[in-house]
C-alpha atoms as a PDB file:
ATOM      1  CA  MET A   1       4.595 -24.968  56.468  1.00  0.00           C
ATOM      2  CA  ASN A   2       3.368 -23.093  53.450  1.00  0.00           C
ATOM      3  CA  TRP A   3       2.431 -24.072  49.909  1.00  0.00           C
ATOM      4  CA  ASP A   4       5.816 -23.035  48.491  1.00  0.00           C
ATOM      5  CA  GLN A   5       7.496 -25.501  50.848  1.00  0.00           C
ATOM      6  CA  ILE A   6       4.993 -28.203  49.925  1.00  0.00           C
ATOM      7  CA  ALA A   7       5.591 -27.638  46.208  1.00  0.00           C
ATOM      8  CA  GLY A   8       9.362 -27.766  46.685  1.00  0.00           C
ATOM      9  CA  GLN A   9       9.198 -31.057  48.557  1.00  0.00           C
ATOM     10  CA  TRP A  10       6.151 -32.586  46.896  1.00  0.00           C
ATOM     11  CA  LYS A  11       7.577 -36.106  46.602  1.00  0.00           C
ATOM     12  CA  GLN A  12       7.960 -36.264  50.390  1.00  0.00           C
ATOM     13  CA  PHE A  13       4.430 -34.935  50.994  1.00  0.00           C
ATOM     14  CA  SER A  14       2.569 -36.849  48.301  1.00  0.00           C
ATOM     15  CA  GLY A  15       2.347 -39.944  50.510  1.00  0.00           C
ATOM     16  CA  SER A  16       0.583 -37.918  53.178  1.00  0.00           C
ATOM     17  CA  VAL A  17      -1.838 -36.575  50.566  1.00  0.00           C
ATOM     18  CA  LYS A  18      -2.614 -40.069  49.319  1.00  0.00           C
ATOM     19  CA  GLN A  19      -3.121 -41.249  52.891  1.00  0.00           C
ATOM     20  CA  GLU A  20      -5.512 -38.357  53.572  1.00  0.00           C
ATOM     21  CA  TRP A  21      -7.404 -38.699  50.287  1.00  0.00           C
ATOM     22  CA  GLY A  22      -7.303 -42.323  49.177  1.00  0.00           C
ATOM     23  CA  LYS A  23      -9.172 -41.701  45.923  1.00  0.00           C
ATOM     24  CA  PHE A  24      -6.154 -39.903  44.475  1.00  0.00           C
ATOM     25  CA  THR A  25      -4.121 -41.900  41.992  1.00  0.00           C
ATOM     26  CA  ASP A  26      -0.423 -41.530  41.308  1.00  0.00           C
ATOM     27  CA  ASP A  27      -1.419 -39.588  38.177  1.00  0.00           C
ATOM     28  CA  ASP A  28      -3.462 -37.200  40.338  1.00  0.00           C
ATOM     29  CA  LEU A  29      -0.492 -36.660  42.633  1.00  0.00           C
ATOM     30  CA  GLU A  30       1.797 -36.006  39.696  1.00  0.00           C
ATOM     31  CA  TYR A  31      -0.700 -33.516  38.237  1.00  0.00           C
ATOM     32  CA  ILE A  32      -1.123 -31.695  41.573  1.00  0.00           C
ATOM     33  CA  GLY A  33       2.639 -31.344  42.009  1.00  0.00           C
ATOM     34  CA  GLY A  34       2.271 -29.435  45.276  1.00  0.00           C
ATOM     35  CA  THR A  35       0.040 -26.713  43.843  1.00  0.00           C
ATOM     36  CA  LYS A  36      -2.813 -25.764  46.133  1.00  0.00           C
ATOM     37  CA  ASP A  37      -5.198 -24.785  43.326  1.00  0.00           C
ATOM     38  CA  LYS A  38      -4.690 -28.131  41.605  1.00  0.00           C
ATOM     39  CA  LEU A  39      -5.212 -29.997  44.887  1.00  0.00           C
ATOM     40  CA  VAL A  40      -8.436 -28.079  45.527  1.00  0.00           C
ATOM     41  CA  GLY A  41      -9.622 -28.824  41.978  1.00  0.00           C
ATOM     42  CA  ARG A  42      -8.953 -32.542  42.360  1.00  0.00           C
ATOM     43  CA  LEU A  43     -10.741 -32.569  45.711  1.00  0.00           C
ATOM     44  CA  GLN A  44     -13.757 -31.032  44.016  1.00  0.00           C
ATOM     45  CA  GLU A  45     -13.669 -33.604  41.219  1.00  0.00           C
ATOM     46  CA  LYS A  46     -12.949 -36.756  43.222  1.00  0.00           C
ATOM     47  CA  TYR A  47     -14.983 -35.972  46.339  1.00  0.00           C
ATOM     48  CA  GLY A  48     -17.745 -33.743  44.990  1.00  0.00           C
ATOM     49  CA  LEU A  49     -16.867 -30.863  47.301  1.00  0.00           C
ATOM     50  CA  ALA A  50     -17.700 -27.209  46.843  1.00  0.00           C
ATOM     51  CA  LYS A  51     -14.639 -25.064  46.186  1.00  0.00           C
ATOM     52  CA  GLU A  52     -14.796 -23.440  49.627  1.00  0.00           C
ATOM     53  CA  GLU A  53     -14.954 -26.803  51.409  1.00  0.00           C
ATOM     54  CA  ALA A  54     -12.150 -28.253  49.290  1.00  0.00           C
ATOM     55  CA  ASP A  55     -10.047 -25.178  50.100  1.00  0.00           C
ATOM     56  CA  ARG A  56     -10.737 -25.587  53.829  1.00  0.00           C
ATOM     57  CA  ARG A  57      -9.727 -29.247  53.728  1.00  0.00           C
ATOM     58  CA  ALA A  58      -6.526 -28.468  51.835  1.00  0.00           C
ATOM     59  CA  GLU A  59      -5.626 -25.788  54.389  1.00  0.00           C
ATOM     60  CA  ARG A  60      -6.442 -28.128  57.287  1.00  0.00           C
ATOM     61  CA  TRP A  61      -4.157 -30.759  55.753  1.00  0.00           C
ATOM     62  CA  LEU A  62      -1.403 -28.151  55.295  1.00  0.00           C
ATOM     63  CA  GLN A  63      -1.606 -27.102  58.943  1.00  0.00           C
ATOM     64  CA  GLY A  64      -1.043 -30.707  60.017  1.00  0.00           C
ATOM     65  CA  GLN A  65       2.170 -31.089  58.035  1.00  0.00           C
ATOM     66  CA  LYS A  66       5.636 -30.886  59.490  1.00  0.00           C
ATOM     67  CA  GLU A  67       8.859 -30.424  57.576  1.00  0.00           C
ATOM     68  CA  PRO A  68      10.019 -33.851  56.392  1.00  0.00           C
ATOM     69  CA  ARG A  69      13.233 -35.187  57.864  1.00  0.00           C
ATOM     70  CA  ARG A  70      16.207 -35.006  55.624  1.00  0.00           C
ATOM     71  CA  THR A  71      18.440 -38.021  55.320  1.00  0.00           C
ATOM     72  CA  ALA A  72      22.195 -37.717  55.080  1.00  0.00           C
END
């Protein structure tokens, strides 16, 4: 997976993001919209992380994602 794929299928991945980072609201998820920089920024704000740590956590989350199943 890469960030372009995440952005293109954000609705499917937003549940995983909310599960990983429970402090995110639906408004946060809408704002992030699959953009890595926005996710990193929200991680810094909500969790008090340094930019480098927030970036590492976002990348770690990305690596754990698989392409969502498509329904017919």
